[in-house]
Amino acid sequence: MAAKPRARFLIHPSIDSLVQRIAEIGAKTPADEVAALRESCRGKIRSYPIESYLRSSTDPVAARTRYDIVARFAAGN
């Protein structure tokens, strides 16, 4: 009988830190670092709905902008 795989629980970086890391990407940033950051953004977007992020923010307009930056980067745009 094969062992049942356990769910992996990951702690994703905050939206704010992801936005900062996205802003720091330059032409000389290695492709593997960009890919890893993109995957971190995808994980955050999957695990943290925008409604939850907006509820926890004091400035909903800025929060939506930051969330959109992460979502667009995760999508490859």
C-alpha atoms as a PDB file:
ATOM      1  CA  MET A   1       0.000   0.000   0.000  1.00  0.00           C
ATOM      2  CA  ALA A   2       1.511   3.290  -1.120  1.00  0.00           C
ATOM      3  CA  ALA A   3       1.807   6.180   1.258  1.00  0.00           C
ATOM      4  CA  LYS A   4      -0.711   8.935   0.763  1.00  0.00           C
ATOM      5  CA  PRO A   5       1.038  12.194  -0.178  1.00  0.00           C
ATOM      6  CA  ARG A   6       0.650  14.963   2.363  1.00  0.00           C
ATOM      7  CA  ALA A   7      -0.556  18.383   1.424  1.00  0.00           C
ATOM      8  CA  ARG A   8       2.201  20.953   1.216  1.00  0.00           C
ATOM      9  CA  PHE A   9       1.567  24.085   3.194  1.00  0.00           C
ATOM     10  CA  LEU A  10       3.528  27.080   2.017  1.00  0.00           C
ATOM     11  CA  ILE A  11       3.827  30.517   3.488  1.00  0.00           C
ATOM     12  CA  HIS A  12       3.808  32.938   0.604  1.00  0.00           C
ATOM     13  CA  PRO A  13       5.454  36.368   0.769  1.00  0.00           C
ATOM     14  CA  SER A  14       3.183  39.356   1.338  1.00  0.00           C
ATOM     15  CA  ILE A  15       1.644  41.229  -1.571  1.00  0.00           C
ATOM     16  CA  ASP A  16       3.715  44.274  -0.603  1.00  0.00           C
ATOM     17  CA  SER A  17       6.997  42.360  -0.681  1.00  0.00           C
ATOM     18  CA  LEU A  18       6.085  40.765  -4.019  1.00  0.00           C
ATOM     19  CA  VAL A  19       5.364  44.202  -5.512  1.00  0.00           C
ATOM     20  CA  GLN A  20       8.737  45.419  -4.261  1.00  0.00           C
ATOM     21  CA  ARG A  21      10.524  42.398  -5.741  1.00  0.00           C
ATOM     22  CA  ILE A  22       8.713  42.858  -9.074  1.00  0.00           C
ATOM     23  CA  ALA A  23       9.839  46.505  -9.159  1.00  0.00           C
ATOM     24  CA  GLU A  24      13.455  45.430  -8.612  1.00  0.00           C
ATOM     25  CA  ILE A  25      13.531  43.184 -11.692  1.00  0.00           C
ATOM     26  CA  GLY A  26      15.905  44.484 -14.298  1.00  0.00           C
ATOM     27  CA  ALA A  27      17.307  43.419 -17.626  1.00  0.00           C
ATOM     28  CA  LYS A  28      20.147  41.587 -15.889  1.00  0.00           C
ATOM     29  CA  THR A  29      17.895  39.587 -13.561  1.00  0.00           C
ATOM     30  CA  PRO A  30      18.432  35.881 -14.291  1.00  0.00           C
ATOM     31  CA  ALA A  31      15.496  34.119 -15.922  1.00  0.00           C
ATOM     32  CA  ASP A  32      15.327  31.496 -13.167  1.00  0.00           C
ATOM     33  CA  GLU A  33      14.871  34.228 -10.528  1.00  0.00           C
ATOM     34  CA  VAL A  34      12.093  35.811 -12.583  1.00  0.00           C
ATOM     35  CA  ALA A  35      10.416  32.410 -12.988  1.00  0.00           C
ATOM     36  CA  ALA A  36      10.654  31.725  -9.247  1.00  0.00           C
ATOM     37  CA  LEU A  37       9.148  35.129  -8.463  1.00  0.00           C
ATOM     38  CA  ARG A  38       6.361  34.537 -10.988  1.00  0.00           C
ATOM     39  CA  GLU A  39       5.572  31.201  -9.312  1.00  0.00           C
ATOM     40  CA  SER A  40       5.513  32.891  -5.891  1.00  0.00           C
ATOM     41  CA  CYS A  41       3.047  35.421  -7.285  1.00  0.00           C
ATOM     42  CA  ARG A  42       0.857  32.655  -8.714  1.00  0.00           C
ATOM     43  CA  GLY A  43       0.814  30.882  -5.375  1.00  0.00           C
ATOM     44  CA  LYS A  44      -0.113  34.059  -3.536  1.00  0.00           C
ATOM     45  CA  ILE A  45      -2.933  34.886  -5.938  1.00  0.00           C
ATOM     46  CA  ARG A  46      -4.311  31.333  -5.675  1.00  0.00           C
ATOM     47  CA  SER A  47      -4.204  31.324  -1.881  1.00  0.00           C
ATOM     48  CA  TYR A  48      -5.249  34.895  -1.080  1.00  0.00           C
ATOM     49  CA  PRO A  49      -8.378  36.270  -2.792  1.00  0.00           C
ATOM     50  CA  ILE A  50      -8.516  39.968  -3.523  1.00  0.00           C
ATOM     51  CA  GLU A  51     -11.579  40.378  -1.283  1.00  0.00           C
ATOM     52  CA  SER A  52      -9.562  39.224   1.732  1.00  0.00           C
ATOM     53  CA  TYR A  53      -6.691  41.532   0.864  1.00  0.00           C
ATOM     54  CA  LEU A  54      -8.995  44.526   0.428  1.00  0.00           C
ATOM     55  CA  ARG A  55     -10.677  43.857   3.788  1.00  0.00           C
ATOM     56  CA  SER A  56      -7.313  43.853   5.549  1.00  0.00           C
ATOM     57  CA  SER A  57      -6.125  47.091   3.937  1.00  0.00           C
ATOM     58  CA  THR A  58      -6.657  50.650   5.130  1.00  0.00           C
ATOM     59  CA  ASP A  59      -6.392  52.031   1.568  1.00  0.00           C
ATOM     60  CA  PRO A  60      -8.495  49.911  -0.813  1.00  0.00           C
ATOM     61  CA  VAL A  61      -7.397  51.795  -3.945  1.00  0.00           C
ATOM     62  CA  ALA A  62      -3.689  51.258  -3.266  1.00  0.00           C
ATOM     63  CA  ALA A  63      -4.369  47.670  -2.193  1.00  0.00           C
ATOM     64  CA  ARG A  64      -6.196  46.887  -5.442  1.00  0.00           C
ATOM     65  CA  THR A  65      -3.331  48.422  -7.429  1.00  0.00           C
ATOM     66  CA  ARG A  66      -0.728  46.308  -5.595  1.00  0.00           C
ATOM     67  CA  TYR A  67      -2.830  43.146  -5.980  1.00  0.00           C
ATOM     68  CA  ASP A  68      -3.278  43.856  -9.709  1.00  0.00           C
ATOM     69  CA  ILE A  69       0.494  44.273 -10.155  1.00  0.00           C
ATOM     70  CA  VAL A  70       1.082  40.847  -8.608  1.00  0.00           C
ATOM     71  CA  ALA A  71      -1.774  39.249 -10.578  1.00  0.00           C
ATOM     72  CA  ARG A  72      -0.544  40.664 -13.901  1.00  0.00           C
ATOM     73  CA  PHE A  73       3.012  39.541 -13.215  1.00  0.00           C
ATOM     74  CA  ALA A  74       1.756  36.072 -12.250  1.00  0.00           C
ATOM     75  CA  ALA A  75      -0.146  35.882 -15.537  1.00  0.00           C
ATOM     76  CA  GLY A  76       2.990  36.769 -17.481  1.00  0.00           C
ATOM     77  CA  ASN A  77       1.920  40.269 -18.510  1.00  0.00           C
END
